[in-house]
Structures are given as structure tokens and as C-alpha cells.
Protein backbone atom coordinates (compact mmCIF):
# COMPACT_ATOMS: atom_id res chain seq x y z
CA MET A 1 8.73 -25.75 132.86
CA ASP A 2 10.93 -23.84 130.45
CA ALA A 3 9.16 -23.27 127.11
CA SER A 4 11.42 -26.01 124.81
CA ASP A 5 9.90 -28.90 127.44
CA THR A 6 6.81 -28.19 126.57
CA PRO A 7 4.73 -31.46 125.88
CA ASP A 8 2.91 -32.54 122.80
CA VAL A 9 -0.30 -30.34 121.91
CA PRO A 10 -3.29 -31.71 122.99
CA GLU A 11 -5.37 -32.93 120.11
CA CYS A 12 -8.78 -30.35 121.06
CA LEU A 13 -6.31 -27.68 120.08
CA THR A 14 -4.58 -28.71 117.03
CA THR A 15 -6.12 -29.12 113.59
CA PRO A 16 -4.78 -31.07 110.68
CA HIS A 17 -2.46 -28.53 108.47
CA HIS A 18 -2.85 -29.66 105.28
CA ASP A 19 0.55 -30.42 104.11
CA GLY A 20 -0.22 -31.42 100.92
CA GLU A 21 -1.77 -27.72 100.00
CA ASP A 22 0.62 -26.28 101.90
CA ALA A 23 2.87 -27.15 99.14
CA ARG A 24 0.75 -25.66 96.57
CA HIS A 25 1.28 -22.27 97.79
CA LEU A 26 4.97 -22.26 98.99
CA ASP A 27 8.03 -22.22 96.82
CA VAL A 28 9.83 -23.77 99.06
CA PRO A 29 8.47 -26.95 101.42
CA PRO A 30 6.00 -25.79 103.74
CA THR A 31 8.61 -27.25 106.81
CA ASP A 32 11.18 -24.50 105.68
CA ALA A 33 8.64 -21.62 105.96
CA ALA A 34 6.52 -22.27 109.24
CA LEU A 35 8.27 -21.98 112.68
CA PRO A 36 8.72 -25.10 114.10
CA ARG A 37 6.54 -25.33 116.71
CA ARG A 38 9.16 -25.59 119.87
CA ASP A 39 10.59 -22.44 118.48
CA PHE A 40 7.66 -20.34 118.38
CA LEU A 41 7.15 -21.02 121.93
CA ARG A 42 10.00 -19.19 122.77
CA ILE A 43 8.77 -16.21 120.67
CA ALA A 44 5.54 -16.81 122.52
CA GLY A 45 6.67 -16.93 125.84
CA ALA A 46 6.93 -19.88 128.37
CA SER A 47 2.70 -19.06 128.97
CA ALA A 48 2.01 -20.94 125.65
CA GLY A 49 3.93 -23.87 127.26
CA ALA A 50 1.79 -23.03 130.30
CA LEU A 51 -1.58 -23.66 127.91
CA LEU A 52 -0.24 -26.55 126.30
CA ALA A 53 0.70 -28.59 129.91
CA THR A 54 -2.62 -27.66 131.35
CA GLY A 55 -5.01 -29.08 128.65
CA CYS A 56 -7.79 -27.26 126.19
CA ALA A 57 -9.78 -24.71 126.29
CA PRO A 58 -12.33 -23.84 123.04
CA PRO A 59 -12.44 -21.25 120.89
CA VAL A 60 -13.39 -17.93 122.61
CA ALA A 61 -17.47 -17.44 122.51
CA PHE A 62 -17.80 -14.50 120.26
CA PRO A 63 -21.28 -14.64 119.71
CA ALA A 64 -22.13 -13.93 122.99
CA ALA A 65 -20.55 -10.38 122.36
CA PRO A 66 -21.95 -9.60 118.73
CA ALA A 67 -20.47 -6.36 117.40
CA LYS A 68 -22.34 -3.78 115.26
CA GLY A 69 -21.97 -4.42 111.22
CA VAL A 70 -20.09 -7.58 111.61
CA GLU A 71 -21.39 -10.30 109.99
CA ARG A 72 -20.83 -13.62 111.36
CA GLY A 73 -21.12 -15.79 108.10
CA ARG A 74 -19.01 -17.52 106.49
CA GLY A 75 -18.96 -15.50 102.65
CA THR A 76 -19.70 -15.92 99.57
CA ALA A 77 -18.93 -18.36 96.68
CA GLU A 78 -16.01 -16.03 96.07
CA SER A 79 -14.59 -16.58 99.47
CA SER A 80 -10.62 -16.66 99.62
CA THR A 81 -9.36 -20.35 101.12
CA HIS A 82 -6.06 -19.25 102.02
CA VAL A 83 -5.35 -15.90 103.65
CA VAL A 84 -1.30 -14.51 104.14
CA ILE A 85 -1.37 -11.90 107.09
CA VAL A 86 1.91 -9.43 107.12
CA GLY A 87 1.92 -8.34 110.52
CA ALA A 88 1.33 -10.56 113.89
CA GLY A 89 0.81 -7.74 115.81
CA ALA A 90 -3.05 -7.08 117.83
CA TRP A 91 -4.30 -6.66 114.21
CA GLY A 92 -3.08 -9.67 112.47
CA GLY A 93 -3.25 -11.80 115.70
CA TRP A 94 -7.13 -11.33 115.57
CA THR A 95 -7.36 -11.43 112.20
CA ALA A 96 -5.74 -14.87 111.60
CA TYR A 97 -7.78 -16.40 114.82
CA HIS A 98 -10.84 -15.13 113.71
CA LEU A 99 -10.23 -16.66 109.87
CA ARG A 100 -9.41 -19.60 111.36
CA THR A 101 -12.85 -19.49 112.96
CA ARG A 102 -14.02 -19.25 109.85
CA GLY A 103 -12.60 -22.04 108.45
CA VAL A 104 -9.85 -20.44 106.47
CA LYS A 105 -6.37 -21.49 105.96
CA VAL A 106 -3.72 -18.65 107.04
CA THR A 107 -0.48 -18.13 106.97
CA LEU A 108 0.97 -15.28 110.01
CA ILE A 109 4.42 -13.61 108.28
CA ASP A 110 6.03 -10.94 111.24
CA GLN A 111 9.44 -9.79 111.12
CA TYR A 112 10.36 -10.25 114.47
CA GLY A 113 8.02 -12.12 116.12
CA PRO A 114 4.51 -11.75 118.45
CA GLY A 115 4.75 -8.33 120.45
CA ASN A 116 8.10 -7.63 119.45
CA SER A 117 9.42 -4.82 121.21
CA ARG A 118 9.85 -2.59 118.03
CA SER A 119 5.67 -3.14 117.95
CA THR A 120 2.67 -1.45 118.35
CA SER A 121 1.42 -3.81 120.23
CA GLY A 122 4.70 -4.72 122.62
CA ASP A 123 4.14 -2.39 125.61
CA GLU A 124 3.14 -4.11 128.88
CA THR A 125 -0.37 -2.73 128.79
CA ARG A 126 -3.29 -0.67 127.36
CA GLY A 127 -6.93 0.70 128.67
CA ILE A 128 -10.02 -0.42 127.29
CA ARG A 129 -12.69 2.75 127.31
CA SER A 130 -15.31 3.49 125.18
CA SER A 131 -14.95 7.48 126.04
CA TYR A 132 -14.09 8.85 122.51
CA GLY A 133 -16.24 12.04 122.83
CA ASP A 134 -13.21 13.67 122.00
CA ARG A 135 -12.77 12.00 118.68
CA ALA A 136 -15.08 12.51 115.25
CA THR A 137 -15.22 9.10 114.90
CA GLY A 138 -17.12 8.39 118.47
CA GLU A 139 -20.27 7.52 116.68
CA LEU A 140 -18.86 4.81 115.02
CA TRP A 141 -16.00 3.69 117.54
CA THR A 142 -17.94 3.40 121.35
CA PRO A 143 -20.36 0.67 119.82
CA TRP A 144 -17.32 -1.22 118.67
CA ALA A 145 -15.65 -0.27 122.14
CA ARG A 146 -17.96 -1.70 124.06
CA THR A 147 -18.04 -4.59 122.35
CA ALA A 148 -14.36 -4.94 122.66
CA ILE A 149 -14.47 -4.59 126.42
CA GLY A 150 -17.23 -7.55 126.34
CA ARG A 151 -14.78 -9.64 124.36
CA TRP A 152 -11.80 -9.09 126.45
CA LYS A 153 -13.80 -10.30 129.02
CA LEU A 154 -14.68 -13.56 127.31
CA PHE A 155 -11.24 -13.90 126.35
CA GLU A 156 -10.11 -13.79 129.83
CA GLU A 157 -12.58 -16.30 131.03
CA GLU A 158 -11.84 -18.86 128.50
CA TRP A 159 -8.17 -18.22 128.29
CA ALA A 160 -6.33 -16.81 131.49
CA LYS A 161 -6.33 -20.27 133.77
CA PRO A 162 -5.12 -21.94 130.40
CA PHE A 163 -2.23 -19.65 130.25
CA ARG A 164 -1.72 -19.46 133.91
CA THR A 165 -2.29 -15.81 134.27
CA SER A 166 -4.48 -12.95 133.69
CA PHE A 167 -5.11 -10.73 130.36
CA PHE A 168 -7.67 -8.37 131.63
CA HIS A 169 -8.33 -6.34 134.89
CA GLU A 170 -11.59 -4.63 135.16
CA THR A 171 -10.18 -1.37 137.19
CA GLY A 172 -13.06 0.84 135.97
CA ASP A 173 -12.03 4.22 134.48
CA VAL A 174 -12.24 7.84 135.22
CA ILE A 175 -12.24 11.05 134.11
CA MET A 176 -11.09 14.30 135.65
CA ARG A 177 -12.01 18.31 134.55
CA ALA A 178 -12.24 20.98 136.54
CA THR A 179 -14.66 22.44 134.26
CA ARG A 180 -17.35 20.55 132.04
CA GLU A 181 -15.68 20.76 128.78
CA PRO A 182 -17.17 19.62 125.40
CA PHE A 183 -15.05 15.96 125.67
CA ILE A 184 -16.72 15.21 129.02
CA THR A 185 -20.96 16.02 127.67
CA LYS A 186 -19.97 14.46 124.47
CA THR A 187 -18.52 11.42 125.89
CA ILE A 188 -21.96 10.92 127.99
CA ASP A 189 -24.26 11.54 125.20
CA LEU A 190 -22.24 8.50 123.52
CA TRP A 191 -22.79 6.68 125.81
CA LYS A 192 -26.66 7.00 126.74
CA ALA A 193 -26.90 6.25 123.13
CA ASN A 194 -25.59 3.21 123.53
CA ASN A 195 -26.75 2.01 127.19
CA VAL A 196 -23.82 2.14 128.38
CA ARG A 197 -23.28 1.95 132.25
CA HIS A 198 -21.74 5.09 133.93
CA GLU A 199 -21.16 7.80 136.27
CA VAL A 200 -21.57 11.40 136.80
CA LEU A 201 -19.45 12.82 139.88
CA THR A 202 -19.26 16.16 141.29
CA GLY A 203 -15.84 16.82 142.60
CA ASN A 204 -16.18 16.76 145.99
CA GLU A 205 -17.56 13.06 145.32
CA ALA A 206 -14.45 12.02 143.19
CA ARG A 207 -12.45 13.19 146.65
CA LYS A 208 -14.16 11.16 148.70
CA ARG A 209 -14.16 7.81 146.59
CA TRP A 210 -10.76 8.43 145.51
CA PRO A 211 -8.39 10.04 148.65
CA VAL A 212 -5.30 9.36 146.86
CA ILE A 213 -6.01 11.44 144.12
CA LYS A 214 -4.82 15.71 144.59
CA ALA A 215 -8.35 16.70 142.89
CA ASP A 216 -9.12 20.31 144.19
CA ASP A 217 -9.75 22.33 141.13
CA ILE A 218 -12.05 18.94 140.01
CA THR A 219 -15.39 19.69 139.44
CA VAL A 220 -17.04 16.70 137.34
CA ALA A 221 -15.46 13.28 136.27
CA ILE A 222 -17.24 10.37 134.55
CA THR A 223 -16.80 7.06 135.26
CA GLU A 224 -16.71 3.62 132.97
CA PRO A 225 -17.04 1.35 135.69
CA ASP A 226 -16.46 -2.04 133.39
CA ALA A 227 -13.20 -0.81 131.79
CA GLY A 228 -10.17 -2.20 132.30
CA VAL A 229 -6.74 -2.64 131.41
CA VAL A 230 -5.33 -5.60 129.29
CA ARG A 231 -1.51 -6.77 129.49
CA CYS A 232 -0.57 -5.90 126.37
CA ARG A 233 2.12 -7.96 124.96
CA ALA A 234 1.18 -10.93 126.75
CA ALA A 235 -1.96 -10.51 125.09
CA THR A 236 -0.54 -10.32 121.97
CA GLN A 237 1.41 -13.32 122.52
CA ALA A 238 -1.54 -15.68 123.45
CA VAL A 239 -3.40 -14.88 120.44
CA ALA A 240 -0.46 -15.73 118.30
CA ALA A 241 -0.35 -19.09 120.01
CA ILE A 242 -3.90 -19.93 119.99
CA ALA A 243 -4.04 -18.95 116.33
CA GLN A 244 -1.48 -21.01 115.59
CA LYS A 245 -3.23 -23.83 117.36
CA LEU A 246 -6.42 -23.19 115.53
CA GLY A 247 -4.31 -23.91 112.42
CA ALA A 248 -2.12 -21.03 111.30
CA GLU A 249 0.74 -21.36 110.28
CA LEU A 250 3.43 -18.61 111.52
CA VAL A 251 6.36 -17.66 109.76
CA ILE A 252 9.07 -15.28 111.01
CA GLY A 253 10.76 -12.87 108.39
CA ARG A 254 10.49 -10.07 106.47
CA VAL A 255 8.77 -9.63 103.34
CA ARG A 256 7.98 -7.61 100.38
CA PRO A 257 4.37 -7.17 98.59
CA GLY A 258 4.65 -9.30 95.25
CA PRO A 259 3.96 -7.89 91.97
CA ILE A 260 0.16 -7.06 90.72
CA VAL A 261 -0.71 -9.36 87.69
CA ASN A 262 -3.87 -8.84 85.82
CA GLY A 263 -5.17 -6.84 89.26
CA LYS A 264 -3.80 -9.25 91.67
CA MET A 265 -1.36 -9.46 94.21
CA ASP A 266 0.90 -12.63 93.27
CA GLY A 267 2.21 -13.62 96.04
CA VAL A 268 4.68 -11.86 99.13
CA ILE A 269 8.17 -12.29 99.24
CA LEU A 270 10.76 -12.89 101.80
CA ASP A 271 14.33 -11.29 102.30
CA ASN A 272 16.05 -14.85 101.19
CA GLY A 273 13.74 -15.22 98.12
CA THR A 274 11.25 -17.63 99.18
CA VAL A 275 7.67 -16.40 97.83
CA ILE A 276 4.21 -17.05 100.12
CA ARG A 277 1.51 -17.36 98.10
CA GLY A 278 -2.11 -17.30 98.84
CA ASP A 279 -5.48 -16.45 97.42
CA ALA A 280 -5.72 -12.70 99.64
CA TYR A 281 -3.33 -10.85 101.46
CA VAL A 282 -3.32 -8.74 104.46
CA PHE A 283 -1.05 -6.50 105.05
CA ALA A 284 -1.72 -5.50 108.72
CA CYS A 285 2.15 -4.57 109.79
CA GLY A 286 1.13 -0.73 111.75
CA PRO A 287 3.78 1.71 111.34
CA TRP A 288 5.55 -0.23 108.59
CA LEU A 289 2.96 0.55 106.09
CA ARG A 290 4.38 3.31 105.36
CA LYS A 291 8.04 1.09 104.08
CA LEU A 292 6.06 -1.17 102.25
CA PHE A 293 3.58 1.04 100.20
CA PRO A 294 4.67 4.46 98.85
CA TYR A 295 0.64 5.58 98.69
CA MET A 296 0.83 5.35 102.13
CA GLU A 297 4.02 7.84 102.92
CA ASN A 298 2.16 10.79 103.48
CA ARG A 299 -1.06 9.66 104.29
CA ALA A 300 0.07 8.33 107.95
CA ARG A 301 2.10 9.49 110.71
CA ILE A 302 4.18 7.28 112.76
CA PRO A 303 4.51 9.36 116.53
CA ILE A 304 6.25 7.60 119.06
CA GLY A 305 4.67 7.10 121.87
CA HIS A 306 5.99 6.97 125.59
CA ALA A 307 4.65 4.75 128.95
CA LEU A 308 6.26 5.15 132.27
CA TYR A 309 6.32 2.53 135.19
CA PHE A 310 6.66 3.99 138.82
CA GLY A 311 7.49 1.82 141.92
CA VAL A 312 4.49 2.28 144.76
CA PRO A 313 5.46 2.40 148.16
CA GLN A 314 5.81 -1.22 149.56
CA GLY A 315 2.66 -2.81 151.80
CA ASP A 316 0.88 0.45 150.11
CA THR A 317 -2.27 -1.36 148.35
CA ARG A 318 -3.91 2.37 147.11
CA PHE A 319 -2.44 2.23 144.08
CA GLN A 320 -2.74 -1.24 142.86
CA PHE A 321 -5.85 -3.18 141.06
CA PRO A 322 -8.40 -3.17 142.41
CA ASN A 323 -8.58 -0.18 144.63
CA LEU A 324 -7.84 2.32 141.65
CA PRO A 325 -9.05 2.85 138.52
CA SER A 326 -7.35 4.25 135.25
CA PHE A 327 -7.62 7.87 135.10
CA ASN A 328 -7.64 10.32 132.63
CA PHE A 329 -6.39 14.12 133.26
CA PRO A 330 -6.19 16.70 130.12
CA GLY A 331 -3.31 15.37 128.67
CA VAL A 332 -1.86 12.39 130.53
CA THR A 333 -3.84 8.81 131.17
CA GLY A 334 -2.40 6.11 133.45
CA TRP A 335 -3.61 3.28 135.89
CA PRO A 336 -2.37 1.13 138.81
CA MET A 337 -0.34 -1.16 139.03
CA LEU A 338 -1.37 -4.62 137.93
CA PRO A 339 -1.05 -7.77 140.51
CA VAL A 340 0.22 -10.55 138.05
CA ASP A 341 3.49 -9.13 137.10
CA SER A 342 3.63 -5.62 139.05
CA ARG A 343 4.98 -3.26 136.72
CA GLY A 344 4.41 -0.38 138.13
CA PHE A 345 2.17 2.40 138.03
CA ARG A 346 1.82 3.61 134.74
CA VAL A 347 2.05 7.04 133.57
CA ARG A 348 1.73 8.50 129.43
CA GLY A 349 1.76 11.68 128.85
CA ALA A 350 2.90 15.14 131.33
CA ILE A 351 2.67 18.34 132.78
CA ALA A 352 4.51 21.19 131.37
CA PRO A 353 6.61 23.33 133.50
CA PRO A 354 4.98 25.96 135.48
CA ALA A 355 4.78 29.14 133.28
CA GLY A 356 8.20 31.43 133.46
CA THR A 357 9.97 28.22 134.14
CA ALA A 358 12.92 27.38 132.07
CA ALA A 359 13.38 24.06 130.17
CA PRO A 360 15.43 22.10 127.54
CA THR A 361 13.62 22.72 124.30
CA PRO A 362 13.08 19.03 122.69
CA THR A 363 14.36 18.06 119.20
CA PRO A 364 11.56 17.76 117.14
CA ALA A 365 11.66 14.50 115.85
CA ALA A 366 11.32 15.29 112.61
CA THR A 367 14.59 16.49 112.68
CA ASP A 368 16.34 12.42 113.07
CA PRO A 369 15.19 10.51 109.82
CA THR A 370 15.68 7.26 111.72
CA LEU A 371 12.62 8.22 114.68
CA GLN A 372 10.66 7.75 111.27
CA ASP A 373 11.85 4.38 110.89
CA PRO A 374 10.34 1.89 113.10
CA ASP A 375 13.38 -0.63 112.36
CA LEU A 376 15.97 1.94 113.18
CA SER A 377 14.31 4.13 115.55
CA SER A 378 15.39 4.45 119.50
CA ARG A 379 13.00 3.72 121.58
CA TRP A 380 14.58 5.91 124.78
CA THR A 381 12.54 8.05 126.96
CA ASN A 382 14.26 11.20 128.07
CA GLN A 383 14.64 13.32 130.84
CA ASP A 384 12.63 15.51 129.74
CA ARG A 385 9.39 13.36 130.04
CA VAL A 386 10.51 11.71 133.20
CA ASP A 387 9.92 15.17 134.71
CA GLY A 388 7.28 15.57 133.23
CA ALA A 389 5.71 12.83 134.35
CA ARG A 390 6.60 13.52 137.69
CA ARG A 391 5.29 16.75 137.69
CA PHE A 392 1.92 15.29 137.02
CA LEU A 393 2.69 13.05 140.07
CA ALA A 394 3.56 15.62 142.45
CA ALA A 395 0.56 17.22 140.94
CA ARG A 396 -2.32 14.62 141.10
CA PHE A 397 -0.73 11.82 143.20
CA PRO A 398 1.64 13.39 146.01
CA ILE A 399 2.32 10.81 147.66
CA LEU A 400 4.06 8.94 144.59
CA ALA A 401 6.03 12.57 143.48
CA ASN A 402 9.08 10.59 144.66
CA ALA A 403 8.44 6.50 143.82
CA PRO A 404 11.43 4.91 141.54
CA LEU A 405 11.12 4.87 138.17
CA LEU A 406 11.52 0.69 137.55
CA GLU A 407 11.11 0.52 133.52
CA THR A 408 9.94 2.83 130.52
CA ARG A 409 8.30 1.41 127.02
CA ALA A 410 8.10 3.10 123.88
CA CYS A 411 6.42 1.93 120.71
CA HIS A 412 4.98 4.16 117.19
CA TYR A 413 1.91 4.40 116.73
CA GLU A 414 -0.10 5.63 113.48
CA SER A 415 -2.46 8.14 112.85
CA SER A 416 -3.81 9.69 109.79
CA VAL A 417 -5.87 13.35 108.81
CA ASN A 418 -8.95 11.15 108.68
CA GLN A 419 -8.32 9.65 112.21
CA ASN A 420 -10.23 6.73 111.27
CA PHE A 421 -9.19 3.15 110.49
CA ILE A 422 -8.02 2.00 107.72
CA VAL A 423 -9.63 -1.17 105.93
CA ASP A 424 -9.32 -1.48 102.51
CA HIS A 425 -8.08 -2.89 99.27
CA VAL A 426 -4.23 -1.81 98.09
CA PRO A 427 -4.81 -0.03 95.33
CA GLU A 428 -5.15 -1.60 91.76
CA THR A 429 -5.84 -5.00 93.86
CA THR A 430 -8.28 -7.14 94.25
CA ASN A 431 -7.13 -9.30 96.39
CA ALA A 432 -4.92 -7.59 99.21
CA TRP A 433 -5.90 -5.09 101.92
CA ILE A 434 -4.51 -3.03 104.87
CA ALA A 435 -5.43 -2.72 107.58
CA GLY A 436 -4.00 -0.26 109.71
CA LEU A 437 -3.82 3.52 111.10
CA GLY A 438 -4.86 2.41 114.83
CA GLN A 439 -4.99 5.93 115.73
CA ALA A 440 -3.22 5.15 119.17
CA GLU A 441 -6.16 3.57 119.85
CA GLY A 442 -5.65 0.30 117.88
CA PHE A 443 -5.25 -2.93 120.28
CA LYS A 444 -8.16 -2.59 122.55
CA PHE A 445 -10.44 -3.31 119.20
CA GLY A 446 -8.34 -6.18 117.97
CA THR A 447 -10.95 -8.78 118.86
CA VAL A 448 -13.56 -7.02 117.10
CA VAL A 449 -11.54 -5.24 113.93
CA GLY A 450 -9.81 -8.68 113.37
CA ASP A 451 -13.77 -10.42 112.95
CA TYR A 452 -14.48 -7.28 110.46
CA ILE A 453 -11.10 -7.52 108.44
CA ALA A 454 -11.95 -11.04 108.08
CA GLN A 455 -15.50 -10.50 106.80
CA ARG A 456 -14.00 -8.23 104.46
CA VAL A 457 -11.56 -10.65 103.29
CA VAL A 458 -14.20 -13.15 103.05
CA GLY A 459 -16.23 -11.30 100.77
CA ILE A 460 -18.73 -9.96 103.19
CA ASN A 461 -18.94 -5.93 103.21
CA GLY A 462 -20.92 -5.64 105.28
CA ASP A 463 -22.51 -2.18 106.97
CA PRO A 464 -21.46 0.11 103.90
CA ALA A 465 -21.40 2.66 106.13
CA LEU A 466 -18.33 1.25 107.79
CA LYS A 467 -16.93 0.16 104.40
CA LYS A 468 -16.82 3.95 103.54
CA ALA A 469 -15.27 5.30 106.98
CA PHE A 470 -12.23 2.50 106.52
CA ALA A 471 -11.83 2.93 102.86
CA LEU A 472 -8.19 4.34 102.14
CA PRO A 473 -7.81 8.07 102.81
CA THR A 474 -7.69 10.44 100.30
CA GLU A 475 -6.61 13.52 102.42
CA GLN A 476 -2.96 13.92 102.85
CA TYR A 477 -0.79 15.33 105.64
CA ASP A 478 0.52 18.28 104.35
CA ARG A 479 4.65 17.74 103.56
CA PRO A 480 6.65 19.10 106.07
CA PRO A 481 9.21 21.78 104.65
CA GLY A 482 12.18 20.67 102.63
């Protein structure tokens, strides 16, 4: 069934749209700013049609997986009643969902649509794990990552069937190293501190358990058995669809921040001049934060990451879920082919050529200014990266050394000097927020970060340690020469 043939929305998935209230916040009638239901479903994909066709599912029971430092209250007397969210990716979509479950009116704006190919959330898959022994933020991130895993499982239980698909795959995750390096030791310490079920294996045990992995040099492997992989684009589109069915309004368009008057932002302005006003504003627009706010220009970097998907041998299930975990080797991560859409065996990262081997010198990204602009950047994966991924396959999965390359994906991700997320006010405002800098890990945290952003926006500061950790960084990157 095509999305355009989708039947009417079941009553249990609708909430009043309060058209009269919309008119007070839009300078045009709400029917001009809100995306029609049928057009939205074309953007969200046919899976949204499956949701509407198969009936109802309640909001996810996330209180069953409480997040450390995130409160469930409705806010103070100063709580916002209408929040405008710019960016319908992982963070923006989940923020919209959590605000609606708190009873807050939401307008969600995205210039290209949820899960689009320019967005950070536009890849096909993302790993969901809690191994952060290599991060200075590990103490903060590990408990949230564990909550995120639980919430992704709840999301799968509630919504996979209505969407007639699967989002979360419990692959388990294995990290293999030749020596017991600090990353391994610190990750184990964090897991123990957070009561995370895990295993520590010898090299021989790892080779026996996963014989398709060439691990002759491996002396230690650690596993997180309930880690997994989420179908990123599909989940991002689904969350946006669910948020809308809970009452959020979706607008497709590009915006710029409105003026700041007496310490408050006064609306956001679409390219056609339409002004959309709310009581509060959340800018969860990933690499576009640098384009919207000059303050962010040298406080964020937006490199491009590349993922490659290789075909597995016909009839050979050893490289498919659930027969192989996601994996982590120095500089390279990946996972088996997932059965829902069979995009392929995923590899991110590469092995450098052997010492003494001549290799082309890649052109530095900084020499091409379009690569620093998420609207203009090319997402083409060049042959150097393909060759590096094949060297990895030859070294660790030799059966796949000559596997066909099925597709590649590339997206900007955001990083900062302090290596932490940002959830803080836009400078000089009390009603506008910047939420971003996922540090190439943000997607997995969406279920929790969206809850936390909603908490802050409705007036609950919560854990002082989190508020301090997620403040706008004062540190800046060294400016490039010239």
C-alpha cells in the first residue's frame, strides 16, 4: 500500500490540534505552515502507512527504563506551553516525542525532512553500546547509554509490529585488542560501576566463539551481550511520525533565528518570510548549528564519516544477524548484515597500507570549503576509503576480502574540544536552546537526550553535574592557518 493510500488515523493515535491556538503563534494560517498528513507520510516512508493501517500502539513505557539525572515531572509554573524545535533528526524527534508526552505543544521544523541523506541521522544503521573507556565523558555517558539500550528495546517492543518492521537488533558487541590497553581496562571499570553484564575473554576463547574472525594476534576481548544495532534512518522517520501522531506539528522548511528582544528570541523565520512563534525554541540541527549561530563556528567541527556495506556470500549466514556480534577493532567498527532490509555487512574505518607501501595522499578536507557546509558537501566515498575497508576485511574477515561493495553512506557528525554534548541556552536568551554536538555518538542517546532536553525546556534543571557538563563550551578549536 502506497503512503498516499493511507487510511485515516485511528482515534487512539490522535490528539487535538488546537487550531485556534496555532493561529496565535503563526503569522500565516496553520494549514499553510503544517505539513499535510499525506505529504508527511511520503517523507516518513511507507512504514508510517503501515503504522496507521495496523492500528494503535501506546506511547513507549520509558518510565520502565529511568534515566539517571532525568526527572519525569511536568515542570514549574514557568513551563513553556508551545515549543518550536528546529531539526527533526534523532535529538529533535525524540525531544518532540518527550515534550508531547509531558503535555507540551510542539512544532517540529526540518528543512529536508526526518532521516534525510544530508542529516547526521541519515545513515542506515547505528551501533547501540556503552563501552566508553576511551572517553573523558565515560562516567556520564555510560549510565545514559545503558538506559538508551533499555529504551531502544522498549521502542522495538511497542512499535516494530505496528510499523511491520524491526528497529533494534540485539547483536551483542565485542571489542578485540592485541593488548589489554587502557580503553579495555577503563571500559571494564565503568561496566562494573554500573552493573553492566559483560564478559572478558582470552584470545583463544574469542577465536573459538567466532571462527570467521581472524584474530591470531588478539589476547583479550570484552563483550556487552545486550548491545545492538538500530536501523537509524527508519527509526528517525518513525519517531517523527509517532511524535506527529501524538500531536506535534511538522513543518518542512529552512529557518533562521528571529531577533532577540529583552533576552528572549522572538520567533524563527522561514525562507518565505513566515514567522513561527512559540514560548521556547530548541535548535537540534546538528552540523547546521555552525551556520545558524556564529558563536558555534569555532566551537564545533563537522567532519564527515563514511560507512561501507558489503555483500555477504549467498546462503552463508555466518555474517548475518544473529550469528555475529557488532565488532570493534582499533580504528574500525562494524556489524553483520541485518535481515530486515539486508543492506550488507557494515564497515566504518579502515586499515592503513603496510609500511613502505606507496599510497595516494588524500586531499585535506579543509582545502574544499564545501566539505564544511552540510548543504553543499559531497557524500561520495572515494577509492582510498574503499581500499582501506577491504584491507580490514582481508585482515579480519578474509572470507569477505573480495565481497561486492553494495553501497556507501556518509554524514557529517559534530565534535567539540570538550568532547561532550551541548544542552544550553542560546547566548543572551532565556527561552532558546542549543542541543547538539553528539560527538559521533549522539544517535544512540536520542531516547534519553530528548527526555533531558524536554526536562530542561519545561523548567527543570535537574542534576547540577549534567547541567554543568552540557553547558556551552568556552573552549575553542585552534583556528586553521590562513
